[in-house]
């Protein structure tokens, strides 16, 4: 009996040891194969998953009660800040830090996003030097320059606590009458847009800011501003492949992380719904044909293109079922509530499949983990140091070739003949009210008796406009940073013999050319052939 008991004990011990080893092996194997993103996803409730699928705008310039309520109530995936949210450099830092503090009790850090393209789409405080418009960068045809501009934009954004930039624009400006894109595009040539757009994307990414390429499948050949109404594009897939899709294909080959889909009706692809709500465009073209596996976000669903033609509640659900991972709700806390509740209800009644939601949130969490997003605060910004870095990036004299410079000067001349400058969409002769309607109130304004007019400065735009007592513009000046590579010799070589060439008491050289009824003046701070251009102006004679 004793012998049998001993043998039984030995057998049990062996089984225990073997089982224990198997359990340890299973645990070890589980650790090796664990997916931290999936584990994070599993910890989220349905309500929290829906929140992750929304990026919302906020009111005001501080982490107000409304902003805090949005973050706490909906557990949002992110926020977007616009110009109205930005008052000063210290205020902006306090705002983004306040947002992070509010979000610190939530399980997932926020996308804190902004449209920072440079040029006329600039959300930075007035104390920060702007970067050039995409069109100016495109005119250089210089890879390194585009990369450096992207890199310094990333520096600006990280300094102020952002982690997502809705840039660069990969639309091809193939329609000259397209004002919503215009100089936001790198140009009308697909290879230039493709090359420089991707280099800028890489530059932004190098600074650990998530670049969002836009506006898929291409907003360049439109007449209508989608902020106001729904643009219609009558192009089939063959035509798109030959032009609009080229920059996006290149971006996808270079590991683009996030893409914004436009509110444009591609009639030959989907005659009923805009690209942002079209399964044919998003799942069929973007996902399956082009193989994009990153995060897809709609353009702002509160734009006229959607609100004038579709019900916001239905549009949000349709966008998700079409293949969008995130819905951008730029304005109105009630709109945020509408979108959130519509997605939640659709998930509960299985109009949106649970698997669809999980796949989207998995992509969102993966991207946040890739860029190591946190709720950590940023310190006050050293504006002098930041501006110095921006100025170095803006200057491309060491890497620009003569043909690119000639292209810039040709653009200056072409616009001058119409009474325009390179970085503004208006001309001499319009009213100051028109400028204010487009750009808002000027930052400074001074009456100059000798000129019999008021000179108003838009520092962010690098533009000064002058108007007379009738409020009509008689002069527009450009201080675009791209001008700093142009010398006296460049001007005379490209424009020919000037109508006048004078040196002032301050040793400034002013070279003038006539494009009747307009006059173009180039101002150089030092009187020598290598002096760099400070600014130029287009004016009309006083009446």
Protein backbone atom coordinates (compact mmCIF):
# COMPACT_ATOMS: atom_id res chain seq x y z
CA UNK A 1 0.00 0.00 0.00
CA UNK A 2 2.81 2.32 0.96
CA UNK A 3 4.60 1.50 -2.30
CA UNK A 4 1.45 2.26 -4.33
CA UNK A 5 0.98 5.59 -2.53
CA UNK A 6 4.59 6.51 -3.25
CA UNK A 7 4.24 5.68 -6.93
CA UNK A 8 1.00 7.69 -7.14
CA UNK A 9 2.71 10.69 -5.51
CA UNK A 10 5.55 10.49 -8.03
CA UNK A 11 3.12 10.33 -10.98
CA UNK A 12 1.12 13.29 -9.69
CA UNK A 13 4.32 15.26 -9.14
CA UNK A 14 5.50 14.54 -12.67
CA UNK A 15 2.12 15.54 -14.13
CA UNK A 16 2.16 18.72 -12.05
CA UNK A 17 5.65 19.58 -13.18
CA UNK A 18 4.82 18.91 -16.81
CA UNK A 19 1.56 20.86 -16.59
CA UNK A 20 3.35 23.66 -14.81
CA UNK A 21 5.99 23.77 -17.51
CA UNK A 22 3.25 23.85 -20.15
CA UNK A 23 1.51 26.67 -18.34
CA UNK A 24 4.78 28.62 -18.14
CA UNK A 25 5.45 27.95 -21.81
CA UNK A 26 1.93 29.12 -22.68
CA UNK A 27 2.40 32.29 -20.64
CA UNK A 28 5.77 32.90 -22.28
CA UNK A 29 4.30 32.34 -25.73
CA UNK A 30 1.43 34.70 -24.88
CA UNK A 31 3.87 37.44 -23.86
CA UNK A 32 5.81 37.04 -27.09
CA UNK A 33 2.65 37.26 -29.20
CA UNK A 34 0.89 39.98 -27.17
CA UNK A 35 -0.46 43.01 -29.05
CA UNK A 36 -0.35 46.14 -26.86
CA UNK A 37 -2.69 48.02 -29.20
CA UNK A 38 -5.26 45.25 -29.06
CA UNK A 39 -4.92 45.14 -25.28
CA UNK A 40 -5.52 48.90 -25.15
CA UNK A 41 -8.51 48.55 -27.48
CA UNK A 42 -10.00 45.80 -25.31
CA UNK A 43 -10.02 48.14 -22.31
CA UNK A 44 -12.23 50.71 -24.06
CA UNK A 45 -16.00 50.75 -23.77
CA UNK A 46 -18.13 51.26 -26.87
CA UNK A 47 -18.72 54.87 -25.81
CA UNK A 48 -14.97 55.46 -25.53
CA UNK A 49 -14.35 53.86 -28.92
CA UNK A 50 -16.89 56.17 -30.57
CA UNK A 51 -15.21 59.16 -28.91
CA UNK A 52 -11.86 58.15 -30.40
CA UNK A 53 -13.40 58.44 -33.86
CA UNK A 54 -14.09 62.18 -33.55
CA UNK A 55 -11.83 65.24 -33.81
CA UNK A 56 -13.67 68.35 -32.64
CA UNK A 57 -13.18 72.08 -32.77
CA UNK A 58 -13.65 74.16 -29.63
CA UNK A 59 -14.80 77.68 -28.84
CA UNK A 60 -12.62 80.30 -27.18
CA UNK A 61 -8.94 80.72 -26.49
CA UNK A 62 -8.66 78.83 -23.20
CA UNK A 63 -9.50 75.38 -21.88
CA UNK A 64 -12.99 76.61 -21.04
CA UNK A 65 -15.86 74.70 -19.51
CA UNK A 66 -17.24 73.92 -22.99
CA UNK A 67 -13.92 72.47 -24.16
CA UNK A 68 -13.48 70.53 -20.93
CA UNK A 69 -17.01 69.16 -21.17
CA UNK A 70 -16.44 67.92 -24.71
CA UNK A 71 -13.29 66.08 -23.65
CA UNK A 72 -14.79 64.61 -20.50
CA UNK A 73 -18.21 63.75 -21.87
CA UNK A 74 -17.22 62.23 -25.20
CA UNK A 75 -13.64 61.02 -24.53
CA UNK A 76 -12.71 62.53 -27.91
CA UNK A 77 -9.97 61.21 -30.13
CA UNK A 78 -8.69 64.72 -30.75
CA UNK A 79 -9.22 68.46 -31.03
CA UNK A 80 -8.50 70.93 -33.84
CA UNK A 81 -7.58 74.58 -33.20
CA UNK A 82 -8.31 77.38 -35.65
CA UNK A 83 -7.17 81.00 -35.89
CA UNK A 84 -9.91 82.14 -33.53
CA UNK A 85 -8.47 79.92 -30.80
CA UNK A 86 -5.05 81.61 -31.01
CA UNK A 87 -4.35 85.02 -29.44
CA UNK A 88 -0.68 84.95 -28.39
CA UNK A 89 2.22 82.57 -27.92
CA UNK A 90 1.80 82.29 -24.14
CA UNK A 91 -1.97 81.87 -24.46
CA UNK A 92 -1.56 79.06 -27.02
CA UNK A 93 0.84 77.14 -24.78
CA UNK A 94 -1.58 77.54 -21.86
CA UNK A 95 -4.43 76.33 -24.05
CA UNK A 96 -2.76 73.13 -25.27
CA UNK A 97 -1.42 72.40 -21.78
CA UNK A 98 -4.88 72.97 -20.34
CA UNK A 99 -6.38 70.60 -22.90
CA UNK A 100 -3.89 67.90 -21.92
CA UNK A 101 -4.60 68.40 -18.22
CA UNK A 102 -8.32 67.98 -18.85
CA UNK A 103 -7.69 64.84 -20.89
CA UNK A 104 -5.28 63.29 -18.36
CA UNK A 105 -8.09 61.31 -16.69
CA UNK A 106 -9.07 59.70 -20.00
CA UNK A 107 -7.45 56.46 -21.14
CA UNK A 108 -6.03 57.70 -24.45
CA UNK A 109 -4.02 60.87 -25.28
CA UNK A 110 -5.52 63.34 -27.75
CA UNK A 111 -4.64 64.23 -31.30
CA UNK A 112 -4.10 68.00 -30.89
CA UNK A 113 -4.31 69.18 -34.47
CA UNK A 114 -4.14 72.30 -36.61
CA UNK A 115 -4.09 73.39 -40.27
CA UNK A 116 -0.55 74.78 -40.51
CA UNK A 117 0.33 74.88 -44.19
CA UNK A 118 2.25 78.15 -44.31
CA UNK A 119 1.35 81.04 -46.59
CA UNK A 120 -2.27 82.13 -46.20
CA UNK A 121 -3.21 79.09 -44.08
CA UNK A 122 -1.32 80.01 -40.94
CA UNK A 123 -2.60 79.40 -37.39
CA UNK A 124 0.49 80.44 -35.46
CA UNK A 125 0.58 83.49 -33.15
CA UNK A 126 1.45 86.81 -34.81
CA UNK A 127 4.86 86.81 -33.08
CA UNK A 128 5.93 83.74 -35.06
CA UNK A 129 7.40 84.23 -38.54
CA UNK A 130 5.34 82.51 -41.22
CA UNK A 131 6.68 79.94 -43.69
CA UNK A 132 6.13 80.32 -47.45
CA UNK A 133 3.02 79.21 -49.30
CA UNK A 134 3.22 75.87 -51.06
CA UNK A 135 3.22 77.55 -54.49
CA UNK A 136 6.41 79.44 -53.61
CA UNK A 137 8.04 76.23 -52.41
CA UNK A 138 6.95 74.52 -55.61
CA UNK A 139 8.57 77.22 -57.71
CA UNK A 140 11.96 76.36 -56.24
CA UNK A 141 11.57 72.71 -57.32
CA UNK A 142 13.97 72.00 -54.49
CA UNK A 143 13.56 68.81 -52.44
CA UNK A 144 15.73 69.93 -49.55
CA UNK A 145 13.92 73.24 -49.24
CA UNK A 146 10.49 71.52 -49.04
CA UNK A 147 11.83 69.09 -46.43
CA UNK A 148 13.34 71.89 -44.32
CA UNK A 149 10.10 73.89 -44.39
CA UNK A 150 8.21 70.79 -43.22
CA UNK A 151 10.79 70.21 -40.51
CA UNK A 152 10.58 73.76 -39.16
CA UNK A 153 6.76 73.65 -39.23
CA UNK A 154 7.03 70.56 -37.04
CA UNK A 155 9.31 72.52 -34.73
CA UNK A 156 6.70 75.28 -34.45
CA UNK A 157 3.93 72.82 -33.68
CA UNK A 158 5.79 70.72 -31.12
CA UNK A 159 6.84 73.95 -29.38
CA UNK A 160 3.17 74.87 -28.91
CA UNK A 161 2.00 71.39 -27.89
CA UNK A 162 0.48 70.11 -31.15
CA UNK A 163 1.02 66.62 -32.52
CA UNK A 164 -0.99 66.59 -35.79
CA UNK A 165 -0.75 68.89 -38.83
CA UNK A 166 -3.39 68.82 -41.57
CA UNK A 167 -0.73 69.37 -44.20
CA UNK A 168 0.72 69.13 -46.79
CA UNK A 169 -1.77 69.82 -49.57
CA UNK A 170 -1.26 67.30 -52.39
CA UNK A 171 -3.88 68.82 -54.68
CA UNK A 172 -2.68 69.79 -58.15
CA UNK A 173 -3.70 73.31 -59.15
CA UNK A 174 -4.91 72.26 -62.59
CA UNK A 175 -7.82 74.72 -62.64
CA UNK A 176 -6.67 78.39 -62.58
CA UNK A 177 -10.14 79.46 -61.39
CA UNK A 178 -9.86 77.31 -58.26
CA UNK A 179 -9.49 79.80 -55.40
CA UNK A 180 -10.04 77.47 -52.43
CA UNK A 181 -6.77 75.68 -53.26
CA UNK A 182 -4.89 78.24 -55.35
CA UNK A 183 -1.43 78.94 -53.95
CA UNK A 184 -1.94 76.28 -51.26
CA UNK A 185 -0.89 73.83 -53.97
CA UNK A 186 2.75 73.21 -54.88
CA UNK A 187 1.79 73.81 -58.51
CA UNK A 188 0.05 72.58 -61.64
CA UNK A 189 2.65 69.91 -62.45
CA UNK A 190 1.95 66.46 -61.00
CA UNK A 191 5.61 65.52 -60.62
CA UNK A 192 6.44 68.77 -58.76
CA UNK A 193 3.47 68.38 -56.40
CA UNK A 194 4.30 64.70 -55.92
CA UNK A 195 7.98 65.25 -55.19
CA UNK A 196 7.82 68.38 -53.03
CA UNK A 197 4.61 67.40 -51.25
CA UNK A 198 6.12 64.13 -50.10
CA UNK A 199 9.35 65.84 -49.04
CA UNK A 200 7.38 68.31 -46.94
CA UNK A 201 5.43 65.39 -45.46
CA UNK A 202 8.71 63.73 -44.52
CA UNK A 203 10.00 66.97 -43.00
CA UNK A 204 6.90 67.31 -40.82
CA UNK A 205 7.16 63.67 -39.79
CA UNK A 206 10.85 64.05 -38.90
CA UNK A 207 9.81 66.40 -36.10
CA UNK A 208 7.41 63.79 -34.66
CA UNK A 209 4.33 65.61 -35.92
CA UNK A 210 1.76 63.48 -37.74
CA UNK A 211 1.31 64.87 -41.27
CA UNK A 212 -2.15 64.53 -42.82
CA UNK A 213 -2.06 64.59 -46.62
CA UNK A 214 -5.07 66.19 -48.26
CA UNK A 215 -7.56 66.45 -50.01
CA UNK A 216 -8.01 62.95 -51.45
CA UNK A 217 -8.73 62.17 -54.27
CA UNK A 218 -7.78 65.68 -55.42
CA UNK A 219 -9.39 69.13 -54.98
CA UNK A 220 -7.35 70.97 -57.62
CA UNK A 221 -9.80 70.86 -60.52
CA UNK A 222 -12.82 72.45 -58.85
CA UNK A 223 -14.66 75.76 -59.24
CA UNK A 224 -16.66 75.61 -56.00
CA UNK A 225 -15.28 76.23 -52.52
CA UNK A 226 -16.33 73.18 -50.46
CA UNK A 227 -16.53 75.42 -47.37
CA UNK A 228 -19.56 76.99 -49.07
CA UNK A 229 -21.09 74.29 -51.29
CA UNK A 230 -20.48 70.87 -52.86
CA UNK A 231 -17.95 70.86 -55.71
CA UNK A 232 -18.59 68.45 -58.59
CA UNK A 233 -15.75 66.83 -60.56
CA UNK A 234 -16.57 65.08 -63.83
CA UNK A 235 -13.51 62.80 -64.05
CA UNK A 236 -13.25 59.04 -64.26
CA UNK A 237 -10.61 56.80 -62.72
CA UNK A 238 -8.42 56.84 -65.84
CA UNK A 239 -8.20 60.63 -65.77
CA UNK A 240 -7.56 60.67 -62.01
CA UNK A 241 -4.75 58.14 -62.41
CA UNK A 242 -3.05 60.38 -64.94
CA UNK A 243 -3.01 63.45 -62.70
CA UNK A 244 -4.73 63.83 -59.30
CA UNK A 245 -3.78 60.47 -57.81
CA UNK A 246 -0.06 60.69 -58.66
CA UNK A 247 0.98 62.66 -55.52
CA UNK A 248 -1.15 60.45 -53.28
CA UNK A 249 0.34 57.25 -54.72
CA UNK A 250 3.80 58.61 -54.04
CA UNK A 251 2.84 59.56 -50.48
CA UNK A 252 1.48 56.07 -49.83
CA UNK A 253 4.73 54.55 -51.12
CA UNK A 254 6.50 56.74 -48.58
CA UNK A 255 4.45 55.50 -45.63
CA UNK A 256 1.89 58.28 -45.26
CA UNK A 257 0.15 57.83 -41.91
CA UNK A 258 -3.08 59.77 -42.33
CA UNK A 259 -5.16 61.10 -45.21
CA UNK A 260 -8.04 63.58 -45.33
CA UNK A 261 -10.85 62.87 -47.79
CA UNK A 262 -12.48 65.82 -49.53
CA UNK A 263 -16.14 66.79 -49.78
CA UNK A 264 -16.22 66.60 -53.57
CA UNK A 265 -18.70 64.71 -55.71
CA UNK A 266 -16.79 62.49 -58.13
CA UNK A 267 -19.74 61.91 -60.47
CA UNK A 268 -18.18 59.09 -62.48
CA UNK A 269 -17.14 57.20 -59.34
CA UNK A 270 -20.18 57.85 -57.15
CA UNK A 271 -22.99 60.01 -58.48
CA UNK A 272 -24.85 60.19 -55.16
CA UNK A 273 -22.35 60.82 -52.37
CA UNK A 274 -19.20 62.98 -52.03
CA UNK A 275 -15.82 61.25 -51.66
CA UNK A 276 -15.94 61.69 -47.86
CA UNK A 277 -19.10 59.54 -47.72
CA UNK A 278 -18.44 57.22 -50.66
CA UNK A 279 -17.59 53.55 -50.14
CA UNK A 280 -16.52 53.40 -53.78
CA UNK A 281 -13.93 56.13 -53.21
CA UNK A 282 -12.69 55.24 -49.71
CA UNK A 283 -12.93 51.45 -49.45
CA UNK A 284 -12.77 50.71 -53.17
CA UNK A 285 -10.20 53.22 -54.43
CA UNK A 286 -8.23 54.39 -51.40
CA UNK A 287 -8.09 51.17 -49.39
CA UNK A 288 -8.23 48.37 -51.96
CA UNK A 289 -6.79 49.82 -55.19
CA UNK A 290 -4.18 52.13 -53.66
CA UNK A 291 -3.50 49.96 -50.61
CA UNK A 292 -3.67 52.68 -47.95
CA UNK A 293 -3.86 51.12 -44.47
CA UNK A 294 -3.47 54.22 -42.31
CA UNK A 295 -6.02 56.51 -40.67
CA UNK A 296 -8.67 58.10 -42.90
CA UNK A 297 -10.42 61.27 -41.73
CA UNK A 298 -13.15 63.34 -43.36
CA UNK A 299 -12.75 67.02 -44.08
CA UNK A 300 -14.77 69.20 -41.69
CA UNK A 301 -18.34 67.87 -41.71
CA UNK A 302 -19.72 71.31 -40.78
CA UNK A 303 -18.69 72.74 -44.16
CA UNK A 304 -21.36 73.88 -46.62
CA UNK A 305 -20.62 70.97 -48.96
CA UNK A 306 -22.21 68.67 -46.36
CA UNK A 307 -24.64 70.85 -44.40
CA UNK A 308 -26.40 72.18 -47.52
CA UNK A 309 -27.02 68.77 -49.05
CA UNK A 310 -26.99 66.10 -46.35
CA UNK A 311 -28.21 65.46 -42.83
CA UNK A 312 -25.20 65.60 -40.48
CA UNK A 313 -26.40 62.62 -38.46
CA UNK A 314 -26.76 60.40 -41.52
CA UNK A 315 -23.60 61.78 -43.15
CA UNK A 316 -21.43 60.78 -40.19
CA UNK A 317 -22.75 57.21 -40.17
CA UNK A 318 -22.39 56.90 -43.92
CA UNK A 319 -18.79 58.22 -43.78
CA UNK A 320 -17.82 55.53 -41.26
CA UNK A 321 -19.52 52.79 -43.25
CA UNK A 322 -17.76 54.09 -46.35
CA UNK A 323 -14.39 53.49 -44.68
CA UNK A 324 -13.54 56.65 -42.71
CA UNK A 325 -11.90 56.08 -39.33
CA UNK A 326 -12.46 59.59 -37.98
CA UNK A 327 -15.02 62.36 -38.40
CA UNK A 328 -13.80 65.96 -38.25
CA UNK A 329 -16.35 68.31 -36.65
CA UNK A 330 -14.74 71.72 -36.82
CA UNK A 331 -17.48 73.90 -35.37
CA UNK A 332 -20.36 73.71 -32.92
CA UNK A 333 -20.59 71.61 -29.76
CA UNK A 334 -24.14 70.64 -30.77
CA UNK A 335 -22.71 69.23 -33.99
CA UNK A 336 -20.22 67.19 -31.98
CA UNK A 337 -23.10 65.83 -29.91
CA UNK A 338 -25.07 64.99 -33.06
CA UNK A 339 -22.18 63.11 -34.64
CA UNK A 340 -21.28 61.25 -31.45
CA UNK A 341 -24.86 60.18 -30.71
CA UNK A 342 -25.52 59.14 -34.30
CA UNK A 343 -22.42 56.91 -34.36
CA UNK A 344 -23.21 55.44 -30.94
CA UNK A 345 -26.83 54.69 -31.88
CA UNK A 346 -25.72 53.17 -35.20
CA UNK A 347 -23.27 50.93 -33.35
CA UNK A 348 -25.92 49.83 -30.85
CA UNK A 349 -28.44 48.94 -33.55
CA UNK A 350 -25.72 47.39 -35.75
CA UNK A 351 -26.10 49.90 -38.60
CA UNK A 352 -22.34 50.18 -38.09
CA UNK A 353 -20.74 46.81 -37.40
CA UNK A 354 -18.71 46.39 -34.22
CA UNK A 355 -15.84 45.05 -36.34
CA UNK A 356 -15.83 48.26 -38.40
CA UNK A 357 -15.48 50.35 -35.24
CA UNK A 358 -12.78 48.12 -33.78
CA UNK A 359 -10.69 48.26 -36.97
CA UNK A 360 -10.91 52.06 -37.07
CA UNK A 361 -10.05 52.53 -33.40
CA UNK A 362 -7.20 50.01 -33.73
CA UNK A 363 -5.70 52.16 -36.50
CA UNK A 364 -6.17 55.31 -34.40
CA UNK A 365 -4.55 53.80 -31.31
CA UNK A 366 -1.70 52.38 -33.42
CA UNK A 367 -0.93 55.82 -34.83
CA UNK A 368 -1.00 57.46 -31.40
CA UNK A 369 1.33 54.76 -30.07
CA UNK A 370 3.68 55.11 -33.08
CA UNK A 371 4.17 58.83 -32.39
CA UNK A 372 4.24 58.27 -28.62
CA UNK A 373 1.50 60.77 -27.85
CA UNK A 374 1.21 61.84 -24.21
CA UNK A 375 -0.51 64.41 -22.00
CA UNK A 376 2.84 65.97 -21.08
CA UNK A 377 2.94 69.78 -20.93
CA UNK A 378 5.25 71.95 -23.04
CA UNK A 379 7.30 74.84 -21.57
CA UNK A 380 6.95 78.50 -22.66
CA UNK A 381 8.23 79.06 -26.20
CA UNK A 382 11.45 80.96 -26.86
CA UNK A 383 10.07 83.01 -29.77
CA UNK A 384 13.42 84.58 -30.69
CA UNK A 385 15.07 81.19 -31.00
CA UNK A 386 12.11 79.71 -32.89
CA UNK A 387 12.00 82.61 -35.36
CA UNK A 388 15.72 82.23 -35.96
CA UNK A 389 15.17 78.60 -36.91
CA UNK A 390 12.28 79.54 -39.18
CA UNK A 391 14.33 82.23 -40.92
CA UNK A 392 17.10 79.74 -41.63
CA UNK A 393 14.62 77.29 -43.11
CA UNK A 394 12.91 80.01 -45.15
CA UNK A 395 16.20 81.01 -46.77
CA UNK A 396 17.03 78.63 -49.59
CA UNK A 397 19.76 80.65 -51.35
CA UNK A 398 22.32 77.87 -51.03
CA UNK A 399 20.18 75.28 -52.74
CA UNK A 400 18.09 77.11 -55.35
CA UNK A 401 18.87 76.85 -59.03
CA UNK A 402 18.51 79.65 -61.54
CA UNK A 403 15.48 78.16 -63.32
CA UNK A 404 13.48 78.05 -60.08
CA UNK A 405 14.38 81.66 -59.37
CA UNK A 406 13.35 82.62 -62.88
CA UNK A 407 10.02 80.87 -62.32
CA UNK A 408 9.42 82.93 -59.17
CA UNK A 409 10.22 86.18 -60.96
CA UNK A 410 7.96 85.20 -63.86
CA UNK A 411 5.14 84.66 -61.37
CA UNK A 412 5.79 88.08 -59.86
CA UNK A 413 5.61 89.71 -63.31
CA UNK A 414 2.49 87.79 -64.35
CA UNK A 415 0.60 88.83 -61.25
CA UNK A 416 1.89 92.40 -61.41
CA UNK A 417 0.23 92.83 -64.80
CA UNK A 418 -3.07 92.14 -63.05
CA UNK A 419 -2.31 94.39 -60.08
CA UNK A 420 -1.62 91.45 -57.76
CA UNK A 421 1.26 90.14 -55.63
CA UNK A 422 2.39 86.54 -55.23
CA UNK A 423 0.91 85.74 -51.82
CA UNK A 424 -2.52 87.37 -51.94
CA UNK A 425 -5.69 86.63 -53.85
CA UNK A 426 -6.81 90.23 -54.30
CA UNK A 427 -5.64 93.15 -56.48
CA UNK A 428 -5.05 96.89 -56.46
CA UNK A 429 -8.32 98.79 -56.80
CA UNK A 430 -10.54 96.68 -54.56
CA UNK A 431 -11.90 97.99 -51.28
CA UNK A 432 -10.29 97.49 -47.90
CA UNK A 433 -13.56 95.94 -46.76
CA UNK A 434 -12.97 93.09 -49.24
CA UNK A 435 -9.53 92.44 -47.73
CA UNK A 436 -10.92 92.44 -44.19
CA UNK A 437 -13.72 90.11 -45.21
CA UNK A 438 -11.14 87.62 -46.51
CA UNK A 439 -8.33 88.08 -43.97
CA UNK A 440 -9.94 89.70 -40.96
CA UNK A 441 -8.82 92.90 -39.24
CA UNK A 442 -5.27 94.08 -39.88
CA UNK A 443 -2.73 93.83 -37.06
CA UNK A 444 -1.39 97.39 -37.37
CA UNK A 445 -2.56 100.46 -39.26
CA UNK A 446 -0.74 103.78 -39.87
CA UNK A 447 -1.72 106.86 -41.84
CA UNK A 448 1.11 108.25 -43.99
CA UNK A 449 0.48 111.85 -44.95
CA UNK A 450 3.06 111.91 -47.76
CA UNK A 451 1.33 108.99 -49.47
CA UNK A 452 -2.17 110.25 -48.61
CA UNK A 453 -3.16 106.84 -47.46
CA UNK A 454 -3.35 104.31 -44.64
CA UNK A 455 -0.91 101.39 -44.58
CA UNK A 456 -2.23 98.27 -42.88
CA UNK A 457 -0.07 95.27 -41.99
CA UNK A 458 -1.00 91.60 -42.05
CA UNK A 459 2.12 90.19 -40.45
CA UNK A 460 1.04 86.56 -40.69
CA UNK A 461 0.46 86.99 -44.41
CA UNK A 462 3.67 88.97 -44.96
CA UNK A 463 1.58 91.63 -46.66
CA UNK A 464 1.04 95.38 -46.29
CA UNK A 465 -1.93 97.01 -48.03
CA UNK A 466 -2.38 100.73 -48.55
CA UNK A 467 -5.76 102.39 -49.13
CA UNK A 468 -6.98 105.94 -49.79
CA UNK A 469 -9.82 107.96 -48.25
CA UNK A 470 -12.33 106.08 -50.43
CA UNK A 471 -10.95 102.85 -48.89
CA UNK A 472 -9.65 101.67 -52.28
CA UNK A 473 -6.31 99.83 -52.38
CA UNK A 474 -3.61 101.74 -54.25
CA UNK A 475 -0.63 99.61 -53.20
CA UNK A 476 0.07 96.06 -52.03
CA UNK A 477 3.47 94.98 -50.66
CA UNK A 478 4.81 91.46 -50.26
CA UNK A 479 7.36 90.41 -47.64
CA UNK A 480 7.14 86.73 -48.61
CA UNK A 481 10.25 84.96 -47.15
CA UNK A 482 10.98 83.39 -50.53
CA UNK A 483 11.97 86.86 -51.81
CA UNK A 484 15.08 86.86 -49.65
CA UNK A 485 16.97 84.85 -52.22
CA UNK A 486 16.48 87.44 -54.99
CA UNK A 487 19.30 89.90 -55.70
CA UNK A 488 19.51 93.20 -57.59
CA UNK A 489 21.25 91.35 -60.39
CA UNK A 490 18.41 88.79 -60.58
CA UNK A 491 15.82 91.54 -60.98
CA UNK A 492 17.68 93.37 -63.73
CA UNK A 493 18.52 90.13 -65.55
CA UNK A 494 14.90 88.98 -65.58
CA UNK A 495 13.00 92.28 -65.88
CA UNK A 496 15.41 94.18 -68.07
CA UNK A 497 16.26 97.88 -67.90
CA UNK A 498 14.18 99.51 -65.12
CA UNK A 499 12.08 102.64 -65.59
CA UNK A 500 13.85 104.07 -62.56
CA UNK A 501 16.68 103.03 -60.26
CA UNK A 502 17.26 105.26 -57.24
CA UNK A 503 19.18 105.07 -53.99
CA UNK A 504 17.58 106.69 -50.94
CA UNK A 505 19.22 108.56 -48.07
CA UNK A 506 18.99 105.32 -46.09
CA UNK A 507 21.05 103.56 -48.77
CA UNK A 508 18.04 101.60 -50.02
CA UNK A 509 17.96 100.84 -53.71
CA UNK A 510 14.49 101.00 -55.28
CA UNK A 511 14.08 99.58 -58.77
CA UNK A 512 10.81 100.33 -60.61
CA UNK A 513 9.08 98.85 -63.65
CA UNK A 514 5.89 99.91 -65.38
CA UNK A 515 3.08 97.48 -66.20
CA UNK A 516 0.41 100.02 -67.08
CA UNK A 517 -1.63 100.96 -65.23
CA UNK A 518 0.50 99.40 -62.47
CA UNK A 519 4.00 100.06 -61.15
CA UNK A 520 6.21 97.39 -59.58
CA UNK A 521 8.90 98.45 -57.10
CA UNK A 522 11.64 96.21 -55.69
CA UNK A 523 13.26 97.47 -52.49
CA UNK A 524 16.78 96.39 -51.51
CA UNK A 525 18.18 97.53 -48.14
CA UNK A 526 21.79 97.93 -49.35
CA UNK A 527 23.04 99.52 -52.54
CA UNK A 528 25.09 96.74 -54.18
CA UNK A 529 24.57 94.01 -56.75
CA UNK A 530 24.41 91.21 -54.17
CA UNK A 531 21.83 92.91 -51.91
CA UNK A 532 18.87 90.63 -51.20
CA UNK A 533 15.30 91.73 -51.82
CA UNK A 534 13.49 92.96 -48.70
CA UNK A 535 10.06 93.40 -50.30
CA UNK A 536 8.33 94.47 -53.46
CA UNK A 537 5.09 96.30 -54.18
CA UNK A 538 2.47 96.70 -56.88
CA UNK A 539 0.71 100.05 -57.04
CA UNK A 540 -1.51 102.19 -59.23
CA UNK A 541 -1.20 105.93 -59.77
CA UNK A 542 -3.31 108.14 -57.46
CA UNK A 543 -6.61 109.36 -58.91
